[in-house]
């Protein structure tokens, strides 16, 4: 799959699906995001690097997923969810820095969980933690500011991509 290949994601069983927007799920995923931030903070206090990276990534992922629920888009494949975020960024709905951030956080989580020889400096860990908090705050603002018209435009654009 290419980095921004939404067409592949539309074809997958658990890939991208257009669903009804769901404010309750938006709130639930934002709550999960805050829970991940809280767990990240606890892991930071006891210097559990693996769990800092994991929860920092999932805090971002759940916030992003909350945004998707607000729009009415479902994706159970992480790469597809991130590709949706890239699509939103390319269409002016998300800051590109957020995309770069979640892509980096995902790679950091993978590196820490699966490649035990890689050490992360205290500064890298601090930057990841600070960035996770900022990411969640920015996505919460995007969710709050998203208009019905914007949601309609995003959904229509995705439907057109799905058919092409």
N, C-alpha and C. Protein backbone atom coordinates (compact mmCIF):
# COMPACT_ATOMS: atom_id res chain seq x y z
N UNK A 1 0.84 -1.18 0.00
CA UNK A 1 0.00 0.00 0.00
C UNK A 1 0.88 1.24 0.00
N UNK A 2 0.60 2.17 -0.88
CA UNK A 2 1.29 3.45 -0.88
C UNK A 2 0.85 4.23 0.35
N UNK A 3 1.71 5.17 0.77
CA UNK A 3 1.43 5.94 1.98
C UNK A 3 0.07 6.63 1.97
N UNK A 4 -0.37 7.10 0.82
CA UNK A 4 -1.63 7.84 0.80
C UNK A 4 -2.66 7.20 -0.13
N UNK A 5 -2.65 5.90 -0.20
CA UNK A 5 -3.53 5.17 -1.12
C UNK A 5 -4.86 4.84 -0.44
N UNK A 6 -5.80 5.76 -0.56
CA UNK A 6 -7.12 5.51 0.03
C UNK A 6 -7.88 4.44 -0.73
N UNK A 7 -7.61 4.29 -2.03
CA UNK A 7 -8.35 3.29 -2.81
C UNK A 7 -8.13 1.89 -2.25
N UNK A 8 -6.92 1.58 -1.83
CA UNK A 8 -6.64 0.29 -1.21
C UNK A 8 -7.47 0.15 0.06
N UNK A 9 -7.54 1.20 0.84
CA UNK A 9 -8.26 1.17 2.11
C UNK A 9 -9.76 0.95 1.92
N UNK A 10 -10.33 1.52 0.85
CA UNK A 10 -11.75 1.32 0.58
C UNK A 10 -12.07 -0.13 0.25
N UNK A 11 -11.10 -0.86 -0.25
CA UNK A 11 -11.32 -2.24 -0.69
C UNK A 11 -11.14 -3.27 0.43
N UNK A 12 -10.60 -2.85 1.56
CA UNK A 12 -10.33 -3.78 2.65
C UNK A 12 -11.57 -3.98 3.51
N UNK A 13 -11.71 -5.20 4.03
CA UNK A 13 -12.86 -5.55 4.85
C UNK A 13 -13.00 -4.58 6.04
N UNK A 14 -11.90 -4.26 6.68
CA UNK A 14 -11.94 -3.36 7.84
C UNK A 14 -11.33 -2.00 7.52
N UNK A 15 -11.32 -1.68 6.24
CA UNK A 15 -10.78 -0.40 5.79
C UNK A 15 -11.78 0.72 5.98
N UNK A 16 -11.77 1.65 5.08
CA UNK A 16 -12.59 2.85 5.20
C UNK A 16 -14.04 2.57 4.82
N UNK A 17 -14.94 3.03 5.70
CA UNK A 17 -16.38 2.95 5.47
C UNK A 17 -17.00 4.30 5.83
N UNK A 18 -17.93 4.74 5.01
CA UNK A 18 -18.70 5.94 5.33
C UNK A 18 -19.88 5.49 6.18
N UNK A 19 -20.01 6.07 7.37
CA UNK A 19 -21.09 5.74 8.29
C UNK A 19 -21.79 7.04 8.68
N UNK A 20 -22.79 6.93 9.49
CA UNK A 20 -23.44 8.14 9.99
C UNK A 20 -22.53 8.81 11.02
N UNK A 21 -22.41 10.14 10.95
CA UNK A 21 -21.66 10.83 12.01
C UNK A 21 -22.26 10.49 13.37
N UNK A 22 -21.40 10.38 14.38
CA UNK A 22 -21.88 9.95 15.69
C UNK A 22 -21.19 10.75 16.79
N UNK A 23 -21.92 11.71 17.32
CA UNK A 23 -21.38 12.58 18.37
C UNK A 23 -21.04 11.79 19.63
N UNK A 24 -21.84 10.77 19.96
CA UNK A 24 -21.56 9.97 21.16
C UNK A 24 -20.23 9.22 21.02
N UNK A 25 -19.98 8.66 19.83
CA UNK A 25 -18.69 7.98 19.61
C UNK A 25 -17.54 8.97 19.58
N UNK A 26 -17.79 10.16 19.05
CA UNK A 26 -16.76 11.21 19.09
C UNK A 26 -16.34 11.45 20.53
N UNK A 27 -17.31 11.65 21.40
CA UNK A 27 -17.02 11.90 22.82
C UNK A 27 -16.34 10.69 23.47
N UNK A 28 -16.78 9.50 23.13
CA UNK A 28 -16.20 8.28 23.70
C UNK A 28 -14.73 8.14 23.31
N UNK A 29 -14.41 8.41 22.04
CA UNK A 29 -13.01 8.30 21.62
C UNK A 29 -12.16 9.41 22.20
N UNK A 30 -12.72 10.58 22.38
CA UNK A 30 -11.96 11.64 23.04
C UNK A 30 -11.69 11.28 24.51
N UNK A 31 -12.66 10.62 25.13
CA UNK A 31 -12.47 10.15 26.50
C UNK A 31 -11.35 9.11 26.55
N UNK A 32 -11.31 8.19 25.57
CA UNK A 32 -10.24 7.20 25.49
C UNK A 32 -8.89 7.89 25.28
N UNK A 33 -8.89 8.95 24.50
CA UNK A 33 -7.67 9.72 24.25
C UNK A 33 -7.14 10.33 25.55
N UNK A 34 -8.03 10.91 26.32
CA UNK A 34 -7.63 11.50 27.61
C UNK A 34 -7.14 10.40 28.56
N UNK A 35 -7.79 9.26 28.55
CA UNK A 35 -7.36 8.14 29.38
C UNK A 35 -5.94 7.71 28.98
N UNK A 36 -5.67 7.65 27.69
CA UNK A 36 -4.32 7.30 27.22
C UNK A 36 -3.31 8.35 27.68
N UNK A 37 -3.69 9.63 27.62
CA UNK A 37 -2.78 10.68 28.12
C UNK A 37 -2.51 10.51 29.61
N UNK A 38 -3.55 10.17 30.37
CA UNK A 38 -3.37 9.95 31.81
C UNK A 38 -2.45 8.77 32.07
N UNK A 39 -2.63 7.71 31.32
CA UNK A 39 -1.76 6.53 31.46
C UNK A 39 -0.34 6.87 31.05
N UNK A 40 -0.20 7.65 30.00
CA UNK A 40 1.11 8.11 29.55
C UNK A 40 1.82 8.88 30.67
N UNK A 41 1.09 9.76 31.33
CA UNK A 41 1.66 10.55 32.43
C UNK A 41 2.11 9.64 33.57
N UNK A 42 1.29 8.65 33.89
CA UNK A 42 1.66 7.69 34.95
C UNK A 42 2.90 6.90 34.54
N UNK A 43 2.96 6.48 33.29
CA UNK A 43 4.13 5.73 32.80
C UNK A 43 5.38 6.60 32.82
N UNK A 44 5.20 7.87 32.54
CA UNK A 44 6.32 8.81 32.57
C UNK A 44 6.89 8.93 33.98
N UNK A 45 6.01 8.96 34.96
CA UNK A 45 6.45 9.10 36.35
C UNK A 45 7.29 7.91 36.81
N UNK A 46 7.02 6.74 36.27
CA UNK A 46 7.79 5.56 36.67
C UNK A 46 8.78 5.11 35.59
N UNK A 47 8.95 5.99 34.58
CA UNK A 47 9.96 5.79 33.52
C UNK A 47 9.77 4.49 32.74
N UNK A 48 8.53 4.16 32.42
CA UNK A 48 8.21 2.99 31.60
C UNK A 48 8.16 3.41 30.14
N UNK A 49 9.32 3.47 29.51
CA UNK A 49 9.47 4.01 28.17
C UNK A 49 8.55 3.34 27.16
N UNK A 50 8.44 2.02 27.20
CA UNK A 50 7.58 1.32 26.25
C UNK A 50 6.15 1.84 26.33
N UNK A 51 5.66 1.98 27.55
CA UNK A 51 4.27 2.38 27.72
C UNK A 51 4.07 3.86 27.48
N UNK A 52 5.10 4.65 27.67
CA UNK A 52 5.00 6.07 27.33
C UNK A 52 4.75 6.20 25.83
N UNK A 53 5.57 5.52 25.05
CA UNK A 53 5.45 5.59 23.59
C UNK A 53 4.11 5.02 23.11
N UNK A 54 3.70 3.91 23.69
CA UNK A 54 2.46 3.27 23.27
C UNK A 54 1.26 4.16 23.59
N UNK A 55 1.19 4.65 24.81
CA UNK A 55 0.04 5.48 25.18
C UNK A 55 0.08 6.84 24.50
N UNK A 56 1.27 7.36 24.24
CA UNK A 56 1.37 8.64 23.51
C UNK A 56 0.81 8.48 22.09
N UNK A 57 1.13 7.36 21.46
CA UNK A 57 0.58 7.10 20.12
C UNK A 57 -0.94 6.93 20.19
N UNK A 58 -1.42 6.11 21.12
CA UNK A 58 -2.86 5.85 21.17
C UNK A 58 -3.66 7.08 21.60
N UNK A 59 -3.08 7.96 22.37
CA UNK A 59 -3.77 9.21 22.69
C UNK A 59 -4.06 9.97 21.40
N UNK A 60 -3.06 10.03 20.54
CA UNK A 60 -3.23 10.69 19.24
C UNK A 60 -4.25 9.94 18.38
N UNK A 61 -4.09 8.63 18.31
CA UNK A 61 -4.94 7.82 17.44
C UNK A 61 -6.41 7.94 17.85
N UNK A 62 -6.69 7.85 19.14
CA UNK A 62 -8.08 7.93 19.61
C UNK A 62 -8.66 9.32 19.34
N UNK A 63 -7.86 10.37 19.49
CA UNK A 63 -8.34 11.72 19.18
C UNK A 63 -8.69 11.82 17.70
N UNK A 64 -7.80 11.31 16.86
CA UNK A 64 -8.06 11.31 15.42
C UNK A 64 -9.31 10.50 15.10
N UNK A 65 -9.47 9.36 15.76
CA UNK A 65 -10.64 8.53 15.51
C UNK A 65 -11.92 9.25 15.96
N UNK A 66 -11.83 10.02 17.03
CA UNK A 66 -12.97 10.83 17.45
C UNK A 66 -13.38 11.81 16.36
N UNK A 67 -12.38 12.41 15.72
CA UNK A 67 -12.66 13.31 14.60
C UNK A 67 -13.36 12.57 13.47
N UNK A 68 -12.88 11.37 13.17
CA UNK A 68 -13.51 10.59 12.11
C UNK A 68 -14.96 10.24 12.44
N UNK A 69 -15.23 9.95 13.71
CA UNK A 69 -16.61 9.65 14.11
C UNK A 69 -17.50 10.88 13.94
N UNK A 70 -16.94 12.05 14.20
CA UNK A 70 -17.69 13.30 14.00
C UNK A 70 -18.05 13.46 12.52
N UNK A 71 -17.14 13.06 11.64
CA UNK A 71 -17.36 13.18 10.20
C UNK A 71 -18.25 12.04 9.69
N UNK A 72 -18.15 10.88 10.36
CA UNK A 72 -18.90 9.71 9.92
C UNK A 72 -18.07 8.83 9.01
N UNK A 73 -16.86 8.55 9.44
CA UNK A 73 -15.95 7.69 8.68
C UNK A 73 -15.36 6.68 9.65
N UNK A 74 -15.39 5.42 9.24
CA UNK A 74 -14.87 4.35 10.07
C UNK A 74 -13.67 3.72 9.36
N UNK A 75 -12.64 3.39 10.14
CA UNK A 75 -11.47 2.71 9.60
C UNK A 75 -10.83 1.91 10.72
N UNK A 76 -10.71 0.61 10.54
CA UNK A 76 -10.14 -0.23 11.58
C UNK A 76 -8.69 -0.62 11.28
N UNK A 77 -8.11 -0.03 10.26
CA UNK A 77 -6.72 -0.28 9.91
C UNK A 77 -5.95 1.02 10.17
N UNK A 78 -4.97 0.98 11.04
CA UNK A 78 -4.27 2.19 11.46
C UNK A 78 -3.71 2.97 10.28
N UNK A 79 -3.07 2.29 9.33
CA UNK A 79 -2.52 3.00 8.18
C UNK A 79 -3.62 3.70 7.38
N UNK A 80 -4.77 3.10 7.30
CA UNK A 80 -5.88 3.73 6.59
C UNK A 80 -6.40 4.94 7.36
N UNK A 81 -6.45 4.83 8.68
CA UNK A 81 -6.88 5.96 9.50
C UNK A 81 -5.91 7.13 9.31
N UNK A 82 -4.63 6.84 9.30
CA UNK A 82 -3.63 7.89 9.09
C UNK A 82 -3.73 8.44 7.68
N UNK A 83 -4.01 7.58 6.70
CA UNK A 83 -4.21 8.07 5.33
C UNK A 83 -5.43 8.97 5.23
N UNK A 84 -6.45 8.68 6.01
CA UNK A 84 -7.61 9.58 6.06
C UNK A 84 -7.20 10.94 6.61
N UNK A 85 -6.36 10.93 7.62
CA UNK A 85 -5.87 12.20 8.19
C UNK A 85 -5.08 12.97 7.13
N UNK A 86 -4.27 12.25 6.35
CA UNK A 86 -3.53 12.91 5.26
C UNK A 86 -4.49 13.52 4.26
N UNK A 87 -5.53 12.79 3.93
CA UNK A 87 -6.56 13.30 3.02
C UNK A 87 -7.17 14.59 3.58
N UNK A 88 -7.50 14.57 4.86
CA UNK A 88 -8.08 15.75 5.49
C UNK A 88 -7.11 16.92 5.43
N UNK A 89 -5.84 16.65 5.66
CA UNK A 89 -4.83 17.69 5.61
C UNK A 89 -4.69 18.25 4.20
N UNK A 90 -4.64 17.37 3.22
CA UNK A 90 -4.50 17.80 1.83
C UNK A 90 -5.69 18.65 1.38
N UNK A 91 -6.81 18.48 2.04
CA UNK A 91 -8.02 19.23 1.70
C UNK A 91 -8.31 20.37 2.67
N UNK A 92 -7.31 20.73 3.45
CA UNK A 92 -7.41 21.91 4.30
C UNK A 92 -8.16 21.76 5.60
N UNK A 93 -8.40 20.52 6.04
CA UNK A 93 -9.17 20.32 7.26
C UNK A 93 -8.31 19.97 8.48
N UNK A 94 -7.05 19.62 8.26
CA UNK A 94 -6.14 19.31 9.36
C UNK A 94 -4.76 19.90 9.04
N UNK A 95 -4.09 20.33 10.06
CA UNK A 95 -2.74 20.84 9.91
C UNK A 95 -1.79 19.70 9.55
N UNK A 96 -0.95 19.91 8.55
CA UNK A 96 -0.01 18.88 8.11
C UNK A 96 0.93 18.45 9.24
N UNK A 97 1.23 19.36 10.15
CA UNK A 97 2.11 19.01 11.28
C UNK A 97 1.51 17.89 12.12
N UNK A 98 0.19 17.84 12.21
CA UNK A 98 -0.46 16.76 12.97
C UNK A 98 -0.22 15.41 12.29
N UNK A 99 -0.23 15.41 10.98
CA UNK A 99 -0.02 14.16 10.24
C UNK A 99 1.41 13.68 10.46
N UNK A 100 2.36 14.59 10.30
CA UNK A 100 3.76 14.24 10.52
C UNK A 100 3.96 13.70 11.93
N UNK A 101 3.27 14.32 12.88
CA UNK A 101 3.40 13.94 14.28
C UNK A 101 2.88 12.52 14.54
N UNK A 102 1.71 12.19 14.03
CA UNK A 102 1.16 10.86 14.32
C UNK A 102 1.95 9.78 13.57
N UNK A 103 2.43 10.10 12.39
CA UNK A 103 3.26 9.13 11.65
C UNK A 103 4.54 8.84 12.45
N UNK A 104 5.15 9.89 12.96
CA UNK A 104 6.38 9.72 13.76
C UNK A 104 6.08 8.95 15.05
N UNK A 105 4.97 9.27 15.70
CA UNK A 105 4.59 8.60 16.95
C UNK A 105 4.34 7.11 16.71
N UNK A 106 3.72 6.80 15.59
CA UNK A 106 3.47 5.39 15.27
C UNK A 106 4.79 4.65 15.09
N UNK A 107 5.71 5.27 14.38
CA UNK A 107 7.01 4.63 14.16
C UNK A 107 7.77 4.48 15.48
N UNK A 108 7.70 5.47 16.33
CA UNK A 108 8.35 5.40 17.64
C UNK A 108 7.78 4.24 18.45
N UNK A 109 6.45 4.11 18.45
CA UNK A 109 5.81 3.00 19.17
C UNK A 109 6.30 1.66 18.62
N UNK A 110 6.36 1.53 17.33
CA UNK A 110 6.83 0.29 16.71
C UNK A 110 8.28 0.02 17.08
N UNK A 111 9.11 1.05 16.98
CA UNK A 111 10.53 0.89 17.31
C UNK A 111 10.74 0.44 18.75
N UNK A 112 10.02 1.06 19.65
CA UNK A 112 10.18 0.72 21.07
C UNK A 112 9.62 -0.66 21.39
N UNK A 113 8.48 -1.00 20.81
CA UNK A 113 7.86 -2.28 21.13
C UNK A 113 8.54 -3.47 20.48
N UNK A 114 9.05 -3.28 19.29
CA UNK A 114 9.53 -4.44 18.53
C UNK A 114 11.04 -4.49 18.32
N UNK A 115 11.74 -3.40 18.54
CA UNK A 115 13.19 -3.36 18.32
C UNK A 115 13.87 -2.93 19.60
N UNK A 116 14.13 -3.88 20.46
CA UNK A 116 14.59 -3.59 21.82
C UNK A 116 15.97 -2.96 21.89
N UNK A 117 16.73 -3.01 20.82
CA UNK A 117 18.09 -2.44 20.86
C UNK A 117 18.06 -0.91 20.76
N UNK A 118 16.97 -0.33 20.31
CA UNK A 118 16.89 1.13 20.13
C UNK A 118 16.60 1.80 21.46
N UNK A 119 17.48 2.71 21.84
CA UNK A 119 17.29 3.49 23.07
C UNK A 119 16.79 4.89 22.71
N UNK A 120 15.93 5.43 23.53
CA UNK A 120 15.42 6.77 23.33
C UNK A 120 15.92 7.68 24.45
N UNK A 121 16.38 8.84 24.07
CA UNK A 121 16.91 9.79 25.05
C UNK A 121 15.76 10.39 25.85
N UNK A 122 16.08 10.89 27.04
CA UNK A 122 15.04 11.58 27.83
C UNK A 122 14.40 12.73 27.04
N UNK A 123 15.18 13.42 26.21
CA UNK A 123 14.64 14.53 25.43
C UNK A 123 13.66 14.02 24.37
N UNK A 124 13.97 12.89 23.71
CA UNK A 124 13.05 12.30 22.74
C UNK A 124 11.74 11.90 23.41
N UNK A 125 11.85 11.33 24.58
CA UNK A 125 10.66 10.90 25.33
C UNK A 125 9.82 12.12 25.71
N UNK A 126 10.48 13.16 26.23
CA UNK A 126 9.78 14.38 26.62
C UNK A 126 9.08 15.02 25.42
N UNK A 127 9.77 15.07 24.29
CA UNK A 127 9.17 15.65 23.09
C UNK A 127 7.95 14.85 22.64
N UNK A 128 8.02 13.53 22.74
CA UNK A 128 6.90 12.68 22.36
C UNK A 128 5.70 12.95 23.28
N UNK A 129 5.95 13.05 24.56
CA UNK A 129 4.89 13.31 25.54
C UNK A 129 4.25 14.68 25.29
N UNK A 130 5.08 15.69 25.15
CA UNK A 130 4.56 17.04 24.92
C UNK A 130 3.77 17.11 23.62
N UNK A 131 4.30 16.46 22.61
CA UNK A 131 3.65 16.45 21.30
C UNK A 131 2.31 15.73 21.36
N UNK A 132 2.22 14.65 22.11
CA UNK A 132 0.95 13.92 22.24
C UNK A 132 -0.12 14.82 22.86
N UNK A 133 0.26 15.53 23.90
CA UNK A 133 -0.71 16.43 24.54
C UNK A 133 -1.18 17.52 23.58
N UNK A 134 -0.23 18.09 22.86
CA UNK A 134 -0.56 19.15 21.90
C UNK A 134 -1.44 18.60 20.77
N UNK A 135 -1.12 17.42 20.29
CA UNK A 135 -1.90 16.78 19.22
C UNK A 135 -3.36 16.64 19.65
N UNK A 136 -3.57 16.09 20.83
CA UNK A 136 -4.94 15.87 21.30
C UNK A 136 -5.68 17.21 21.42
N UNK A 137 -5.02 18.22 21.97
CA UNK A 137 -5.66 19.54 22.09
C UNK A 137 -6.04 20.11 20.73
N UNK A 138 -5.14 19.98 19.76
CA UNK A 138 -5.42 20.52 18.43
C UNK A 138 -6.56 19.77 17.75
N UNK A 139 -6.60 18.46 17.89
CA UNK A 139 -7.68 17.70 17.27
C UNK A 139 -9.01 18.01 17.96
N UNK A 140 -8.98 18.19 19.27
CA UNK A 140 -10.22 18.58 19.98
C UNK A 140 -10.73 19.91 19.43
N UNK A 141 -9.85 20.85 19.16
CA UNK A 141 -10.27 22.14 18.58
C UNK A 141 -10.86 21.94 17.18
N UNK A 142 -10.22 21.08 16.39
CA UNK A 142 -10.73 20.80 15.04
C UNK A 142 -12.13 20.22 15.12
N UNK A 143 -12.34 19.31 16.06
CA UNK A 143 -13.66 18.70 16.23
C UNK A 143 -14.69 19.77 16.60
N UNK A 144 -14.33 20.63 17.53
CA UNK A 144 -15.25 21.67 17.99
C UNK A 144 -15.59 22.67 16.88
N UNK A 145 -14.64 22.92 15.99
CA UNK A 145 -14.83 23.93 14.96
C UNK A 145 -15.37 23.38 13.63
N UNK A 146 -15.49 22.08 13.51
CA UNK A 146 -15.94 21.47 12.27
C UNK A 146 -17.42 21.77 12.03
N UNK A 147 -17.72 22.32 10.89
CA UNK A 147 -19.11 22.68 10.57
C UNK A 147 -19.82 21.55 9.83
N UNK A 148 -21.12 21.63 9.83
CA UNK A 148 -21.93 20.65 9.10
C UNK A 148 -21.58 20.69 7.61
N UNK A 149 -21.35 21.87 7.09
CA UNK A 149 -20.99 22.01 5.68
C UNK A 149 -19.63 21.34 5.40
N UNK A 150 -18.67 21.53 6.27
CA UNK A 150 -17.36 20.89 6.09
C UNK A 150 -17.49 19.37 6.14
N UNK A 151 -18.28 18.90 7.09
CA UNK A 151 -18.49 17.45 7.20
C UNK A 151 -19.09 16.92 5.89
N UNK A 152 -20.08 17.61 5.37
CA UNK A 152 -20.69 17.21 4.11
C UNK A 152 -19.69 17.19 2.96
N UNK A 153 -18.83 18.19 2.91
CA UNK A 153 -17.82 18.27 1.84
C UNK A 153 -16.82 17.13 1.95
N UNK A 154 -16.39 16.82 3.17
CA UNK A 154 -15.44 15.73 3.38
C UNK A 154 -16.08 14.40 2.96
N UNK A 155 -17.29 14.17 3.41
CA UNK A 155 -17.99 12.92 3.10
C UNK A 155 -18.19 12.78 1.58
N UNK A 156 -18.57 13.87 0.94
CA UNK A 156 -18.78 13.83 -0.51
C UNK A 156 -17.46 13.54 -1.23
N UNK A 157 -16.38 14.18 -0.79
CA UNK A 157 -15.07 13.93 -1.39
C UNK A 157 -14.63 12.48 -1.23
N UNK A 158 -14.87 11.92 -0.06
CA UNK A 158 -14.52 10.51 0.17
C UNK A 158 -15.38 9.57 -0.66
N UNK A 159 -16.66 9.89 -0.79
CA UNK A 159 -17.54 9.05 -1.62
C UNK A 159 -17.06 9.07 -3.07
N UNK A 160 -16.63 10.23 -3.54
CA UNK A 160 -16.11 10.32 -4.91
C UNK A 160 -14.83 9.49 -5.06
N UNK A 161 -13.96 9.54 -4.06
CA UNK A 161 -12.73 8.75 -4.10
C UNK A 161 -13.04 7.26 -4.07
N UNK A 162 -14.06 6.91 -3.30
CA UNK A 162 -14.44 5.50 -3.18
C UNK A 162 -14.91 4.95 -4.53
N UNK A 163 -15.57 5.77 -5.30
CA UNK A 163 -16.12 5.33 -6.57
C UNK A 163 -15.09 5.36 -7.69
N UNK A 164 -13.98 6.05 -7.50
CA UNK A 164 -12.98 6.14 -8.59
C UNK A 164 -11.96 5.05 -8.53
